[in-house]
Amino acid sequence: MRHITRITIILFLILISASATQAQVRFGVKGGITINELKWDKDIINKENRAGFTVGLMIEAGLPVVGLGLDASVLYAHRQDDLYLEDGMQVTKLKRDYLDIPVNVKYKLQIPVLSKIITPFVTTGPDFALMLGDTDKVDFKARKWNTSWNVGFGAELFRKVQIHANYGISMTKAFEYIGKDVDSKPIKGKDNMWTITAAYLF
């Protein structure tokens, strides 16, 4: 995964340089909702997913004709979950804020005539999230840096608005549960999530 991440970032820088010469760089604002899906090593912890939100800026760099490009965003993201033990007793509410930086390869399906109205696209790439502030709870320890791999799809409308649905697969452990119910090693959790956004490009 590290090699794929490095290659993606290098491609992003190359495409920005190439696209800038041909006026194919666009900037935009983005906002939407997030739905977390925490995955734990053991079944002792159950969870109830809660909706959060995300908002920020994006840049899109694309090569003309072929439809291949990259987009990157700098986002503020708020996420939250309710966690329970097996007996149904609520453990805690995990609320946390992140500086979220997704860098995605994007392929747009160019359809003659229709592209002026709607252009479908698919995306994939790494996501880097830095936790803002201290959100450690009793019995829970949060990781400051999280890395995920994104897979998504969407559509561009009238060459200005982009609707995007994305699933992030966590590649690092996000939390450790070290409560009294743990026999030996802490229970580790990954922070997978759905993100649905709308963006307006200038």
N, C-alpha and C. Protein backbone atom coordinates (compact mmCIF):
# COMPACT_ATOMS: atom_id res chain seq x y z
N MET A 1 0.81 -1.20 0.00
CA MET A 1 0.00 0.00 0.00
C MET A 1 0.86 1.27 0.00
N ARG A 2 2.02 1.22 0.68
CA ARG A 2 2.88 2.41 0.72
C ARG A 2 3.35 2.78 -0.67
N HIS A 3 3.70 1.75 -1.47
CA HIS A 3 4.17 2.02 -2.83
C HIS A 3 3.05 2.63 -3.67
N ILE A 4 1.82 2.11 -3.52
CA ILE A 4 0.68 2.64 -4.27
C ILE A 4 0.43 4.09 -3.88
N THR A 5 0.54 4.40 -2.59
CA THR A 5 0.33 5.76 -2.12
C THR A 5 1.35 6.71 -2.73
N ARG A 6 2.62 6.30 -2.74
CA ARG A 6 3.67 7.15 -3.30
C ARG A 6 3.46 7.38 -4.79
N ILE A 7 3.09 6.31 -5.50
CA ILE A 7 2.84 6.43 -6.94
C ILE A 7 1.69 7.38 -7.21
N THR A 8 0.63 7.28 -6.40
CA THR A 8 -0.53 8.15 -6.57
C THR A 8 -0.16 9.61 -6.41
N ILE A 9 0.63 9.91 -5.36
CA ILE A 9 1.03 11.29 -5.11
C ILE A 9 1.92 11.81 -6.23
N ILE A 10 2.84 10.97 -6.73
CA ILE A 10 3.71 11.38 -7.84
C ILE A 10 2.89 11.67 -9.09
N LEU A 11 1.90 10.79 -9.38
CA LEU A 11 1.02 11.01 -10.53
C LEU A 11 0.24 12.31 -10.38
N PHE A 12 -0.19 12.58 -9.17
CA PHE A 12 -0.94 13.81 -8.90
C PHE A 12 -0.10 15.04 -9.25
N LEU A 13 1.17 15.06 -8.80
CA LEU A 13 2.04 16.20 -9.08
C LEU A 13 2.33 16.33 -10.57
N ILE A 14 2.51 15.20 -11.25
CA ILE A 14 2.75 15.23 -12.70
C ILE A 14 1.55 15.78 -13.44
N LEU A 15 0.35 15.31 -13.05
CA LEU A 15 -0.87 15.77 -13.72
C LEU A 15 -1.15 17.24 -13.47
N ILE A 16 -0.82 17.72 -12.28
CA ILE A 16 -0.99 19.15 -12.02
C ILE A 16 -0.10 19.97 -12.93
N SER A 17 1.16 19.54 -13.10
CA SER A 17 2.09 20.26 -13.97
C SER A 17 1.62 20.23 -15.41
N ALA A 18 1.21 19.04 -15.87
CA ALA A 18 0.76 18.91 -17.25
C ALA A 18 -0.53 19.67 -17.50
N SER A 19 -1.44 19.60 -16.55
CA SER A 19 -2.74 20.24 -16.74
C SER A 19 -2.66 21.74 -16.65
N ALA A 20 -1.75 22.24 -15.79
CA ALA A 20 -1.64 23.68 -15.64
C ALA A 20 -1.26 24.34 -16.96
N THR A 21 -0.42 23.69 -17.74
CA THR A 21 -0.02 24.22 -19.03
C THR A 21 -1.19 24.29 -19.99
N GLN A 22 -2.15 23.37 -19.86
CA GLN A 22 -3.28 23.30 -20.77
C GLN A 22 -4.58 23.78 -20.12
N ALA A 23 -4.45 24.54 -19.03
CA ALA A 23 -5.59 25.16 -18.36
C ALA A 23 -6.65 24.13 -17.95
N GLN A 24 -6.20 23.01 -17.36
CA GLN A 24 -7.14 21.98 -16.94
C GLN A 24 -7.20 21.83 -15.42
N VAL A 25 -6.74 22.84 -14.69
CA VAL A 25 -6.81 22.81 -13.24
C VAL A 25 -8.03 23.60 -12.78
N ARG A 26 -8.84 22.98 -11.92
CA ARG A 26 -10.03 23.67 -11.39
C ARG A 26 -10.06 23.56 -9.87
N PHE A 27 -10.61 24.59 -9.25
CA PHE A 27 -10.74 24.61 -7.80
C PHE A 27 -12.22 24.61 -7.44
N GLY A 28 -12.53 24.14 -6.24
CA GLY A 28 -13.92 24.09 -5.85
C GLY A 28 -14.11 24.04 -4.34
N VAL A 29 -15.37 24.13 -3.93
CA VAL A 29 -15.75 23.96 -2.52
C VAL A 29 -16.57 22.67 -2.42
N LYS A 30 -16.44 21.99 -1.29
CA LYS A 30 -17.07 20.68 -1.13
C LYS A 30 -17.66 20.53 0.26
N GLY A 31 -18.79 19.83 0.35
CA GLY A 31 -19.38 19.55 1.64
C GLY A 31 -20.25 18.31 1.56
N GLY A 32 -20.50 17.67 2.70
CA GLY A 32 -21.33 16.47 2.67
C GLY A 32 -21.43 15.80 4.02
N ILE A 33 -21.87 14.55 4.02
CA ILE A 33 -22.05 13.79 5.25
C ILE A 33 -21.13 12.58 5.27
N THR A 34 -20.82 12.12 6.48
CA THR A 34 -20.03 10.91 6.67
C THR A 34 -20.81 9.94 7.56
N ILE A 35 -20.70 8.66 7.27
CA ILE A 35 -21.31 7.62 8.10
C ILE A 35 -20.23 6.61 8.44
N ASN A 36 -19.86 6.54 9.71
CA ASN A 36 -18.76 5.69 10.13
C ASN A 36 -19.19 4.24 10.30
N GLU A 37 -18.23 3.35 10.13
CA GLU A 37 -18.46 1.91 10.26
C GLU A 37 -17.25 1.29 10.96
N LEU A 38 -17.21 1.44 12.28
CA LEU A 38 -16.07 0.93 13.05
C LEU A 38 -16.02 -0.59 13.01
N LYS A 39 -14.82 -1.14 12.79
CA LYS A 39 -14.61 -2.58 12.75
C LYS A 39 -13.64 -2.95 13.89
N TRP A 40 -14.09 -3.85 14.79
CA TRP A 40 -13.27 -4.23 15.94
C TRP A 40 -12.74 -5.66 15.79
N ASP A 41 -11.59 -5.91 16.45
CA ASP A 41 -10.96 -7.23 16.39
C ASP A 41 -11.84 -8.31 17.02
N LYS A 42 -12.60 -7.94 18.06
CA LYS A 42 -13.45 -8.90 18.77
C LYS A 42 -14.88 -8.40 18.80
N ASP A 43 -15.82 -9.33 19.01
CA ASP A 43 -17.24 -9.00 19.00
C ASP A 43 -17.75 -8.44 20.32
N ILE A 44 -16.85 -8.22 21.28
CA ILE A 44 -17.28 -7.74 22.59
C ILE A 44 -17.88 -6.33 22.50
N ILE A 45 -17.49 -5.57 21.46
CA ILE A 45 -17.98 -4.20 21.31
C ILE A 45 -18.94 -4.13 20.13
N ASN A 46 -20.13 -3.64 20.38
CA ASN A 46 -21.09 -3.33 19.31
C ASN A 46 -21.12 -1.82 19.12
N LYS A 47 -21.66 -1.39 17.99
CA LYS A 47 -21.67 0.04 17.74
C LYS A 47 -22.93 0.45 17.03
N GLU A 48 -23.26 1.72 17.18
CA GLU A 48 -24.37 2.31 16.44
C GLU A 48 -23.80 3.47 15.65
N ASN A 49 -23.84 3.35 14.32
CA ASN A 49 -23.25 4.38 13.48
C ASN A 49 -24.05 5.67 13.53
N ARG A 50 -23.33 6.78 13.53
CA ARG A 50 -23.95 8.09 13.53
C ARG A 50 -23.42 8.90 12.35
N ALA A 51 -24.25 9.79 11.85
CA ALA A 51 -23.83 10.64 10.73
C ALA A 51 -23.01 11.81 11.24
N GLY A 52 -21.93 12.12 10.52
CA GLY A 52 -21.14 13.30 10.77
C GLY A 52 -21.19 14.19 9.54
N PHE A 53 -20.24 15.10 9.43
CA PHE A 53 -20.22 15.97 8.26
C PHE A 53 -18.79 16.33 7.88
N THR A 54 -18.62 16.82 6.67
CA THR A 54 -17.31 17.24 6.17
C THR A 54 -17.47 18.45 5.27
N VAL A 55 -16.49 19.36 5.28
CA VAL A 55 -16.56 20.57 4.46
C VAL A 55 -15.14 21.07 4.21
N GLY A 56 -14.91 21.63 3.01
CA GLY A 56 -13.57 22.14 2.71
C GLY A 56 -13.40 22.52 1.26
N LEU A 57 -12.14 22.50 0.81
CA LEU A 57 -11.75 22.92 -0.53
C LEU A 57 -11.18 21.75 -1.32
N MET A 58 -11.29 21.82 -2.65
CA MET A 58 -10.74 20.77 -3.50
C MET A 58 -10.06 21.36 -4.72
N ILE A 59 -9.17 20.57 -5.31
CA ILE A 59 -8.53 20.91 -6.58
C ILE A 59 -8.63 19.70 -7.49
N GLU A 60 -8.94 19.94 -8.76
CA GLU A 60 -9.02 18.86 -9.75
C GLU A 60 -8.06 19.17 -10.89
N ALA A 61 -7.23 18.20 -11.24
CA ALA A 61 -6.30 18.34 -12.36
C ALA A 61 -6.53 17.19 -13.32
N GLY A 62 -6.86 17.52 -14.57
CA GLY A 62 -7.19 16.46 -15.53
C GLY A 62 -6.47 16.63 -16.84
N LEU A 63 -6.17 15.50 -17.47
CA LEU A 63 -5.60 15.51 -18.81
C LEU A 63 -6.74 15.56 -19.83
N PRO A 64 -6.66 16.45 -20.82
CA PRO A 64 -7.74 16.56 -21.79
C PRO A 64 -7.90 15.29 -22.63
N VAL A 65 -9.08 15.09 -23.15
CA VAL A 65 -9.44 14.01 -24.07
C VAL A 65 -9.54 12.65 -23.37
N VAL A 66 -8.47 12.22 -22.67
CA VAL A 66 -8.45 10.86 -22.13
C VAL A 66 -9.36 10.68 -20.93
N GLY A 67 -9.71 11.75 -20.24
CA GLY A 67 -10.60 11.67 -19.10
C GLY A 67 -9.94 11.28 -17.78
N LEU A 68 -8.61 11.10 -17.78
CA LEU A 68 -7.90 10.68 -16.58
C LEU A 68 -7.37 11.90 -15.83
N GLY A 69 -7.51 11.88 -14.53
CA GLY A 69 -7.01 12.99 -13.74
C GLY A 69 -6.92 12.62 -12.27
N LEU A 70 -6.67 13.61 -11.46
CA LEU A 70 -6.62 13.41 -10.02
C LEU A 70 -7.33 14.57 -9.33
N ASP A 71 -7.91 14.30 -8.18
CA ASP A 71 -8.40 15.41 -7.37
C ASP A 71 -7.96 15.21 -5.93
N ALA A 72 -7.73 16.32 -5.26
CA ALA A 72 -7.32 16.30 -3.86
C ALA A 72 -8.15 17.32 -3.11
N SER A 73 -8.37 17.05 -1.84
CA SER A 73 -9.17 17.94 -1.02
C SER A 73 -8.50 18.16 0.33
N VAL A 74 -8.78 19.29 0.92
CA VAL A 74 -8.41 19.57 2.31
C VAL A 74 -9.73 19.84 3.03
N LEU A 75 -10.11 18.95 3.95
CA LEU A 75 -11.44 18.98 4.54
C LEU A 75 -11.39 18.96 6.06
N TYR A 76 -12.35 19.61 6.67
CA TYR A 76 -12.62 19.42 8.09
C TYR A 76 -13.71 18.36 8.18
N ALA A 77 -13.47 17.31 8.96
CA ALA A 77 -14.43 16.21 9.06
C ALA A 77 -14.77 15.94 10.52
N HIS A 78 -16.06 15.84 10.82
CA HIS A 78 -16.53 15.49 12.16
C HIS A 78 -17.17 14.11 12.10
N ARG A 79 -16.73 13.19 12.96
CA ARG A 79 -17.25 11.82 12.98
C ARG A 79 -17.69 11.46 14.40
N GLN A 80 -18.69 10.58 14.50
CA GLN A 80 -19.12 10.14 15.83
C GLN A 80 -19.80 8.77 15.76
N ASP A 81 -19.69 8.04 16.88
CA ASP A 81 -20.28 6.70 17.01
C ASP A 81 -20.69 6.49 18.46
N ASP A 82 -21.71 5.65 18.67
CA ASP A 82 -22.08 5.16 19.99
C ASP A 82 -21.59 3.73 20.12
N LEU A 83 -20.88 3.41 21.19
CA LEU A 83 -20.33 2.08 21.39
C LEU A 83 -20.97 1.40 22.59
N TYR A 84 -21.18 0.06 22.48
CA TYR A 84 -21.83 -0.71 23.52
C TYR A 84 -21.06 -2.01 23.75
N LEU A 85 -21.15 -2.52 24.98
CA LEU A 85 -20.64 -3.86 25.25
C LEU A 85 -21.70 -4.87 24.84
N GLU A 86 -21.37 -6.15 24.94
CA GLU A 86 -22.30 -7.20 24.49
C GLU A 86 -23.62 -7.20 25.26
N ASP A 87 -23.60 -6.74 26.53
CA ASP A 87 -24.83 -6.74 27.33
C ASP A 87 -25.73 -5.55 27.00
N GLY A 88 -25.33 -4.71 26.06
CA GLY A 88 -26.16 -3.59 25.65
C GLY A 88 -25.89 -2.30 26.41
N MET A 89 -25.04 -2.34 27.43
CA MET A 89 -24.72 -1.15 28.19
C MET A 89 -23.88 -0.19 27.35
N GLN A 90 -24.26 1.09 27.32
CA GLN A 90 -23.51 2.05 26.52
C GLN A 90 -22.16 2.30 27.14
N VAL A 91 -21.12 2.25 26.34
CA VAL A 91 -19.77 2.49 26.81
C VAL A 91 -19.44 3.98 26.73
N THR A 92 -19.53 4.54 25.55
CA THR A 92 -19.17 5.94 25.37
C THR A 92 -19.61 6.42 24.01
N LYS A 93 -19.60 7.73 23.84
CA LYS A 93 -19.82 8.36 22.54
C LYS A 93 -18.46 8.81 22.03
N LEU A 94 -18.07 8.31 20.88
CA LEU A 94 -16.79 8.70 20.28
C LEU A 94 -17.03 9.83 19.28
N LYS A 95 -16.72 11.04 19.69
CA LYS A 95 -16.82 12.19 18.80
C LYS A 95 -15.41 12.69 18.54
N ARG A 96 -15.09 12.88 17.26
CA ARG A 96 -13.75 13.35 16.94
C ARG A 96 -13.76 14.20 15.67
N ASP A 97 -12.75 15.06 15.59
CA ASP A 97 -12.59 15.97 14.45
C ASP A 97 -11.27 15.69 13.77
N TYR A 98 -11.29 15.79 12.43
CA TYR A 98 -10.09 15.48 11.64
C TYR A 98 -9.81 16.56 10.60
N LEU A 99 -8.53 16.72 10.28
CA LEU A 99 -8.11 17.36 9.06
C LEU A 99 -7.93 16.23 8.06
N ASP A 100 -8.79 16.18 7.06
CA ASP A 100 -8.88 15.04 6.15
C ASP A 100 -8.34 15.44 4.78
N ILE A 101 -7.38 14.64 4.24
CA ILE A 101 -6.75 14.96 2.95
C ILE A 101 -6.84 13.74 2.04
N PRO A 102 -7.92 13.60 1.25
CA PRO A 102 -8.01 12.53 0.25
C PRO A 102 -7.32 12.93 -1.05
N VAL A 103 -6.60 12.00 -1.65
CA VAL A 103 -5.94 12.23 -2.95
C VAL A 103 -6.37 11.08 -3.87
N ASN A 104 -7.26 11.37 -4.81
CA ASN A 104 -7.86 10.32 -5.63
C ASN A 104 -7.49 10.42 -7.11
N VAL A 105 -7.23 9.26 -7.70
CA VAL A 105 -7.21 9.16 -9.16
C VAL A 105 -8.66 9.19 -9.62
N LYS A 106 -8.94 9.96 -10.68
CA LYS A 106 -10.32 10.08 -11.16
C LYS A 106 -10.36 9.79 -12.66
N TYR A 107 -11.30 8.93 -13.06
CA TYR A 107 -11.52 8.68 -14.48
C TYR A 107 -12.94 9.09 -14.86
N LYS A 108 -13.03 10.00 -15.82
CA LYS A 108 -14.34 10.48 -16.30
C LYS A 108 -14.69 9.79 -17.61
N LEU A 109 -15.90 9.28 -17.67
CA LEU A 109 -16.38 8.64 -18.88
C LEU A 109 -16.94 9.71 -19.82
N GLN A 110 -16.21 9.98 -20.88
CA GLN A 110 -16.59 11.03 -21.82
C GLN A 110 -17.61 10.48 -22.82
N ILE A 111 -18.84 10.97 -22.74
CA ILE A 111 -19.91 10.56 -23.65
C ILE A 111 -20.25 11.73 -24.55
N PRO A 112 -20.08 11.60 -25.87
CA PRO A 112 -20.37 12.71 -26.79
C PRO A 112 -21.77 13.29 -26.54
N VAL A 113 -21.86 14.60 -26.61
CA VAL A 113 -23.10 15.36 -26.42
C VAL A 113 -23.54 15.35 -24.95
N LEU A 114 -23.68 14.15 -24.34
CA LEU A 114 -24.16 14.06 -22.97
C LEU A 114 -23.19 14.65 -21.95
N SER A 115 -21.90 14.70 -22.30
CA SER A 115 -20.88 15.18 -21.37
C SER A 115 -21.12 16.63 -20.95
N LYS A 116 -21.81 17.40 -21.77
CA LYS A 116 -22.11 18.78 -21.39
C LYS A 116 -23.16 18.83 -20.28
N ILE A 117 -23.91 17.74 -20.12
CA ILE A 117 -24.96 17.68 -19.11
C ILE A 117 -24.54 16.83 -17.93
N ILE A 118 -24.08 15.60 -18.21
CA ILE A 118 -23.68 14.68 -17.14
C ILE A 118 -22.47 13.86 -17.57
N THR A 119 -21.50 13.75 -16.66
CA THR A 119 -20.30 12.96 -16.91
C THR A 119 -20.05 12.04 -15.72
N PRO A 120 -20.28 10.73 -15.87
CA PRO A 120 -20.00 9.79 -14.78
C PRO A 120 -18.49 9.68 -14.54
N PHE A 121 -18.11 9.35 -13.30
CA PHE A 121 -16.69 9.14 -13.01
C PHE A 121 -16.54 8.14 -11.87
N VAL A 122 -15.35 7.55 -11.82
CA VAL A 122 -14.96 6.66 -10.72
C VAL A 122 -13.66 7.18 -10.12
N THR A 123 -13.45 6.88 -8.84
CA THR A 123 -12.26 7.39 -8.14
C THR A 123 -11.67 6.31 -7.24
N THR A 124 -10.38 6.44 -6.98
CA THR A 124 -9.71 5.61 -5.99
C THR A 124 -8.40 6.27 -5.58
N GLY A 125 -8.00 6.06 -4.34
CA GLY A 125 -6.76 6.65 -3.87
C GLY A 125 -6.68 6.70 -2.36
N PRO A 126 -5.55 7.15 -1.81
CA PRO A 126 -5.35 7.18 -0.35
C PRO A 126 -6.02 8.39 0.29
N ASP A 127 -6.28 8.24 1.58
CA ASP A 127 -6.86 9.31 2.39
C ASP A 127 -6.05 9.42 3.68
N PHE A 128 -5.59 10.63 3.98
CA PHE A 128 -4.78 10.86 5.17
C PHE A 128 -5.57 11.75 6.14
N ALA A 129 -5.77 11.28 7.38
CA ALA A 129 -6.58 12.02 8.34
C ALA A 129 -5.79 12.28 9.61
N LEU A 130 -5.70 13.56 10.00
CA LEU A 130 -5.01 13.97 11.23
C LEU A 130 -6.07 14.39 12.25
N MET A 131 -6.10 13.71 13.39
CA MET A 131 -7.07 14.05 14.42
C MET A 131 -6.74 15.39 15.05
N LEU A 132 -7.76 16.23 15.20
CA LEU A 132 -7.59 17.55 15.81
C LEU A 132 -8.02 17.48 17.27
N GLY A 133 -7.13 17.87 18.17
CA GLY A 133 -7.46 17.84 19.59
C GLY A 133 -7.28 16.47 20.18
N ASP A 134 -7.61 16.35 21.47
CA ASP A 134 -7.47 15.11 22.22
C ASP A 134 -8.85 14.52 22.47
N THR A 135 -9.12 13.34 21.90
CA THR A 135 -10.43 12.72 22.07
C THR A 135 -10.36 11.38 22.82
N ASP A 136 -9.26 11.14 23.53
CA ASP A 136 -9.18 9.91 24.32
C ASP A 136 -10.26 9.90 25.40
N LYS A 137 -10.91 8.75 25.56
CA LYS A 137 -11.93 8.56 26.58
C LYS A 137 -11.43 7.53 27.60
N VAL A 138 -12.19 7.39 28.69
CA VAL A 138 -11.86 6.35 29.65
C VAL A 138 -11.96 4.99 28.95
N ASP A 139 -10.90 4.23 29.03
CA ASP A 139 -10.79 2.89 28.43
C ASP A 139 -10.54 2.91 26.92
N PHE A 140 -10.56 4.08 26.28
CA PHE A 140 -10.33 4.16 24.84
C PHE A 140 -9.15 5.08 24.54
N LYS A 141 -8.32 4.63 23.61
CA LYS A 141 -7.18 5.44 23.18
C LYS A 141 -7.26 5.62 21.67
N ALA A 142 -7.21 6.87 21.19
CA ALA A 142 -7.35 7.16 19.76
C ALA A 142 -5.99 7.40 19.13
N ARG A 143 -5.86 6.99 17.87
CA ARG A 143 -4.65 7.20 17.10
C ARG A 143 -4.72 8.56 16.42
N LYS A 144 -3.63 9.31 16.43
CA LYS A 144 -3.62 10.66 15.86
C LYS A 144 -3.70 10.64 14.33
N TRP A 145 -2.98 9.72 13.70
CA TRP A 145 -2.96 9.63 12.23
C TRP A 145 -3.70 8.39 11.78
N ASN A 146 -4.57 8.55 10.78
CA ASN A 146 -5.24 7.40 10.17
C ASN A 146 -5.05 7.46 8.66
N THR A 147 -4.83 6.33 8.05
CA THR A 147 -4.71 6.24 6.59
C THR A 147 -5.74 5.25 6.07
N SER A 148 -6.48 5.66 5.04
CA SER A 148 -7.50 4.81 4.43
C SER A 148 -7.27 4.73 2.93
N TRP A 149 -7.97 3.76 2.29
CA TRP A 149 -7.96 3.67 0.84
C TRP A 149 -9.39 3.87 0.35
N ASN A 150 -9.57 4.84 -0.54
CA ASN A 150 -10.90 5.21 -1.03
C ASN A 150 -11.27 4.51 -2.33
N VAL A 151 -12.54 4.16 -2.45
CA VAL A 151 -13.12 3.66 -3.70
C VAL A 151 -14.47 4.36 -3.84
N GLY A 152 -14.68 5.04 -4.99
CA GLY A 152 -15.92 5.80 -5.11
C GLY A 152 -16.39 5.96 -6.53
N PHE A 153 -17.57 6.57 -6.65
CA PHE A 153 -18.14 6.86 -7.97
C PHE A 153 -19.00 8.11 -7.84
N GLY A 154 -19.30 8.71 -8.99
CA GLY A 154 -20.13 9.91 -8.95
C GLY A 154 -20.44 10.41 -10.34
N ALA A 155 -20.89 11.65 -10.39
CA ALA A 155 -21.25 12.26 -11.67
C ALA A 155 -21.03 13.77 -11.59
N GLU A 156 -20.59 14.33 -12.71
CA GLU A 156 -20.45 15.78 -12.83
C GLU A 156 -21.62 16.31 -13.65
N LEU A 157 -22.29 17.33 -13.15
CA LEU A 157 -23.46 17.90 -13.79
C LEU A 157 -23.14 19.28 -14.35
N PHE A 158 -23.40 19.46 -15.63
CA PHE A 158 -23.22 20.74 -16.32
C PHE A 158 -21.80 21.29 -16.15
N ARG A 159 -20.86 20.39 -15.96
CA ARG A 159 -19.43 20.72 -15.84
C ARG A 159 -19.12 21.66 -14.68
N LYS A 160 -20.01 21.69 -13.70
CA LYS A 160 -19.83 22.59 -12.56
C LYS A 160 -20.02 21.89 -11.21
N VAL A 161 -21.01 21.01 -11.13
CA VAL A 161 -21.36 20.37 -9.86
C VAL A 161 -20.98 18.89 -9.90
N GLN A 162 -20.34 18.41 -8.84
CA GLN A 162 -19.98 17.00 -8.75
C GLN A 162 -20.61 16.37 -7.51
N ILE A 163 -21.34 15.26 -7.72
CA ILE A 163 -21.90 14.47 -6.64
C ILE A 163 -21.06 13.20 -6.53
N HIS A 164 -20.60 12.88 -5.32
CA HIS A 164 -19.61 11.81 -5.16
C HIS A 164 -19.96 10.95 -3.94
N ALA A 165 -20.02 9.63 -4.13
CA ALA A 165 -20.18 8.68 -3.04
C ALA A 165 -18.89 7.87 -2.92
N ASN A 166 -18.36 7.76 -1.70
CA ASN A 166 -17.04 7.17 -1.51
C ASN A 166 -17.02 6.29 -0.27
N TYR A 167 -16.35 5.13 -0.38
CA TYR A 167 -16.16 4.27 0.79
C TYR A 167 -14.68 4.21 1.13
N GLY A 168 -14.34 4.54 2.37
CA GLY A 168 -12.95 4.52 2.81
C GLY A 168 -12.65 3.28 3.64
N ILE A 169 -11.67 2.50 3.21
CA ILE A 169 -11.26 1.27 3.90
C ILE A 169 -10.01 1.57 4.72
N SER A 170 -10.13 1.52 6.04
CA SER A 170 -9.02 1.89 6.91
C SER A 170 -7.85 0.92 6.77
N MET A 171 -6.66 1.48 6.64
CA MET A 171 -5.45 0.66 6.55
C MET A 171 -4.65 0.69 7.85
N THR A 172 -5.08 1.48 8.82
CA THR A 172 -4.41 1.57 10.12
C THR A 172 -5.44 1.42 11.23
N LYS A 173 -4.98 1.09 12.41
CA LYS A 173 -5.86 1.00 13.58
C LYS A 173 -6.18 2.41 14.06
N ALA A 174 -7.47 2.68 14.32
CA ALA A 174 -7.89 4.01 14.74
C ALA A 174 -8.04 4.11 16.26
N PHE A 175 -8.46 2.98 16.93
CA PHE A 175 -8.72 3.01 18.36
C PHE A 175 -8.23 1.74 19.04
N GLU A 176 -8.00 1.85 20.35
CA GLU A 176 -7.75 0.70 21.20
C GLU A 176 -8.68 0.77 22.40
N TYR A 177 -9.35 -0.36 22.71
CA TYR A 177 -10.19 -0.44 23.90
C TYR A 177 -9.42 -1.23 24.96
N ILE A 178 -9.19 -0.60 26.11
CA ILE A 178 -8.36 -1.21 27.15
C ILE A 178 -9.15 -1.36 28.46
N GLY A 179 -10.46 -1.59 28.34
CA GLY A 179 -11.32 -1.69 29.52
C GLY A 179 -11.11 -2.96 30.31
N LYS A 180 -11.85 -3.07 31.41
CA LYS A 180 -11.69 -4.20 32.32
C LYS A 180 -12.15 -5.52 31.71
N ASP A 181 -12.94 -5.44 30.62
CA ASP A 181 -13.44 -6.66 29.97
C ASP A 181 -12.40 -7.31 29.07
N VAL A 182 -11.27 -6.63 28.86
CA VAL A 182 -10.22 -7.15 27.99
C VAL A 182 -9.32 -8.08 28.80
N ASP A 183 -9.11 -9.30 28.31
CA ASP A 183 -8.32 -10.29 29.04
C ASP A 183 -6.83 -9.97 29.02
N SER A 184 -6.30 -9.65 27.84
CA SER A 184 -4.86 -9.42 27.75
C SER A 184 -4.55 -8.22 26.86
N LYS A 185 -4.50 -8.46 25.56
CA LYS A 185 -4.16 -7.38 24.65
C LYS A 185 -5.37 -6.48 24.40
N PRO A 186 -5.14 -5.18 24.15
CA PRO A 186 -6.24 -4.26 23.85
C PRO A 186 -6.99 -4.68 22.58
N ILE A 187 -8.28 -4.38 22.54
CA ILE A 187 -9.07 -4.63 21.33
C ILE A 187 -8.88 -3.44 20.40
N LYS A 188 -8.50 -3.72 19.16
CA LYS A 188 -8.21 -2.66 18.22
C LYS A 188 -9.35 -2.48 17.23
N GLY A 189 -9.59 -1.24 16.83
CA GLY A 189 -10.67 -0.93 15.90
C GLY A 189 -10.22 -0.12 14.72
N LYS A 190 -10.80 -0.40 13.54
CA LYS A 190 -10.53 0.35 12.33
C LYS A 190 -11.73 1.25 12.01
N ASP A 191 -11.44 2.39 11.41
CA ASP A 191 -12.46 3.41 11.17
C ASP A 191 -12.81 3.48 9.69
N ASN A 192 -13.65 2.55 9.21
CA ASN A 192 -14.15 2.61 7.83
C ASN A 192 -15.31 3.61 7.76
N MET A 193 -15.59 4.13 6.56
CA MET A 193 -16.67 5.11 6.48
C MET A 193 -17.18 5.32 5.06
N TRP A 194 -18.45 5.69 4.98
CA TRP A 194 -19.06 6.20 3.76
C TRP A 194 -19.03 7.72 3.81
N THR A 195 -18.73 8.33 2.66
CA THR A 195 -18.79 9.80 2.55
C THR A 195 -19.56 10.16 1.29
N ILE A 196 -20.54 11.01 1.44
CA ILE A 196 -21.32 11.49 0.29
C ILE A 196 -21.21 13.00 0.25
N THR A 197 -20.67 13.53 -0.86
CA THR A 197 -20.40 14.96 -0.95
C THR A 197 -20.97 15.57 -2.22
N ALA A 198 -21.13 16.87 -2.17
CA ALA A 198 -21.45 17.68 -3.35
C ALA A 198 -20.39 18.77 -3.44
N ALA A 199 -19.91 19.03 -4.63
CA ALA A 199 -18.88 20.04 -4.84
C ALA A 199 -19.27 20.97 -5.98
N TYR A 200 -18.88 22.23 -5.84
CA TYR A 200 -19.07 23.21 -6.92
C TYR A 200 -17.70 23.66 -7.38
N LEU A 201 -17.39 23.50 -8.67
CA LEU A 201 -16.09 23.85 -9.23
C LEU A 201 -16.17 25.15 -10.03
N PHE A 202 -15.12 25.95 -9.85
CA PHE A 202 -15.05 27.24 -10.55
C PHE A 202 -14.26 27.14 -11.85
